[in-house]
Amino acid sequence: MKIDDAAAHLEALGNPTRLKIYRALIRAGEAGMPVGRLQDRLKIAASTLSHHIKALVVVGLVTQTREGTTLVCHANYGLMRELLNFLMAECCCEAAEPGDARSAA
């Protein structure tokens, strides 16, 4: 993942409402959650919810499918894993090793 892409994904999740939406979709699992149920669960006005879902869809964190007249939102688990892997890829790679001169300071 490129750093600019990671920044865009994290920026989208940096809004408390969008983070609540995304976490609700993560908890919903692969089946996703209808927009109406998401609205009821989070107590968000329809226009506000639509605005925030669109921001998550634009960066690819959320996808939507239509099932009859119902719009269902799904978390993009592949992208979520890719983002988490990007964040963890270099975890502790510069940590001081025992006896390292930097740790003696």
Protein backbone atom coordinates (compact mmCIF):
# COMPACT_ATOMS: atom_id res chain seq x y z
CA MET A 1 0.00 0.00 0.00
CA LYS A 2 1.25 3.46 -0.85
CA ILE A 3 1.54 6.00 1.93
CA ASP A 4 -0.89 8.40 0.19
CA ASP A 5 -3.52 5.65 0.02
CA ALA A 6 -3.00 4.77 3.68
CA ALA A 7 -3.34 8.44 4.59
CA ALA A 8 -6.63 8.71 2.66
CA HIS A 9 -8.04 5.64 4.41
CA LEU A 10 -6.96 6.89 7.82
CA GLU A 11 -8.32 10.36 7.08
CA ALA A 12 -11.72 8.85 6.28
CA LEU A 13 -11.65 6.92 9.55
CA GLY A 14 -10.49 10.02 11.44
CA ASN A 15 -14.04 11.31 11.76
CA PRO A 16 -15.83 9.94 14.85
CA THR A 17 -19.11 9.33 13.00
CA ARG A 18 -17.39 7.49 10.15
CA LEU A 19 -15.41 5.42 12.62
CA LYS A 20 -18.65 4.44 14.39
CA ILE A 21 -20.19 3.47 11.04
CA TYR A 22 -17.14 1.43 10.05
CA ARG A 23 -16.96 -0.36 13.39
CA ALA A 24 -20.66 -1.24 13.16
CA LEU A 25 -20.05 -2.71 9.70
CA ILE A 26 -17.03 -4.66 10.95
CA ARG A 27 -19.20 -6.14 13.72
CA ALA A 28 -21.91 -7.00 11.16
CA GLY A 29 -19.57 -9.42 9.39
CA GLU A 30 -19.62 -10.43 5.74
CA ALA A 31 -23.43 -10.10 5.54
CA GLY A 32 -23.11 -6.35 6.02
CA MET A 33 -25.88 -4.14 7.31
CA PRO A 34 -28.79 -2.40 5.61
CA VAL A 35 -28.53 1.38 5.68
CA GLY A 36 -31.82 1.66 7.59
CA ARG A 37 -30.61 -0.64 10.36
CA LEU A 38 -27.32 1.24 10.52
CA GLN A 39 -29.25 4.50 10.87
CA ASP A 40 -31.42 3.09 13.66
CA ARG A 41 -28.47 1.59 15.49
CA LEU A 42 -26.32 4.73 15.38
CA LYS A 43 -29.15 7.28 15.68
CA ILE A 44 -27.85 9.33 12.74
CA ALA A 45 -29.98 11.44 10.39
CA ALA A 46 -30.35 9.84 6.95
CA SER A 47 -28.62 12.71 5.12
CA THR A 48 -25.70 12.69 7.57
CA LEU A 49 -25.35 8.92 7.33
CA SER A 50 -25.40 9.08 3.54
CA HIS A 51 -22.68 11.73 3.54
CA HIS A 52 -20.40 9.69 5.80
CA ILE A 53 -21.01 6.39 4.01
CA LYS A 54 -20.12 8.08 0.72
CA ALA A 55 -16.78 9.19 2.18
CA LEU A 56 -16.03 5.58 3.21
CA VAL A 57 -17.11 4.24 -0.18
CA VAL A 58 -14.92 6.73 -2.07
CA VAL A 59 -11.76 5.45 -0.35
CA GLY A 60 -12.87 1.83 -0.71
CA LEU A 61 -13.34 0.97 2.96
CA VAL A 62 -17.05 0.28 2.40
CA THR A 63 -18.94 -1.26 -0.50
CA GLN A 64 -22.67 -1.24 -1.12
CA THR A 65 -24.99 -3.75 -2.73
CA ARG A 66 -28.65 -3.48 -3.51
CA GLU A 67 -30.90 -6.30 -2.40
CA GLY A 68 -34.31 -5.48 -3.82
CA THR A 69 -35.14 -2.07 -2.41
CA THR A 70 -32.61 -2.35 0.41
CA LEU A 71 -29.14 -0.84 0.22
CA VAL A 72 -26.67 -2.95 2.20
CA CYS A 73 -23.26 -1.69 3.31
CA HIS A 74 -20.28 -4.01 3.73
CA ALA A 75 -16.87 -3.40 5.27
CA ASN A 76 -14.07 -4.12 2.81
CA TYR A 77 -12.15 -6.62 4.95
CA GLY A 78 -9.38 -7.06 2.38
CA LEU A 79 -8.59 -3.36 2.40
CA MET A 80 -8.87 -3.23 6.19
CA ARG A 81 -6.28 -6.02 6.48
CA GLU A 82 -4.04 -4.30 3.94
CA LEU A 83 -4.19 -1.06 5.94
CA LEU A 84 -3.45 -2.84 9.21
CA ASN A 85 -0.55 -4.71 7.61
CA PHE A 86 0.80 -1.42 6.28
CA LEU A 87 0.68 0.07 9.77
CA MET A 88 2.35 -2.96 11.34
CA ALA A 89 4.88 -3.74 8.58
CA GLU A 90 7.79 -1.99 10.21
CA CYS A 91 6.75 -2.33 13.82
CA CYS A 92 9.78 -2.17 16.11
CA CYS A 93 12.25 -2.53 13.20
CA GLU A 94 14.44 0.20 14.65
CA ALA A 95 14.13 -0.82 18.26
CA ALA A 96 17.40 -0.78 20.14
CA GLU A 97 18.93 -4.19 20.61
CA PRO A 98 20.54 -5.21 23.92
CA GLY A 99 23.95 -3.58 24.15
CA ASP A 100 23.12 -1.03 21.44
CA ALA A 101 24.95 2.26 22.02
CA ARG A 102 21.73 4.22 21.46
CA SER A 103 20.09 2.60 24.49
CA ALA A 104 23.00 3.52 26.77
CA ALA A 105 22.27 7.25 26.53
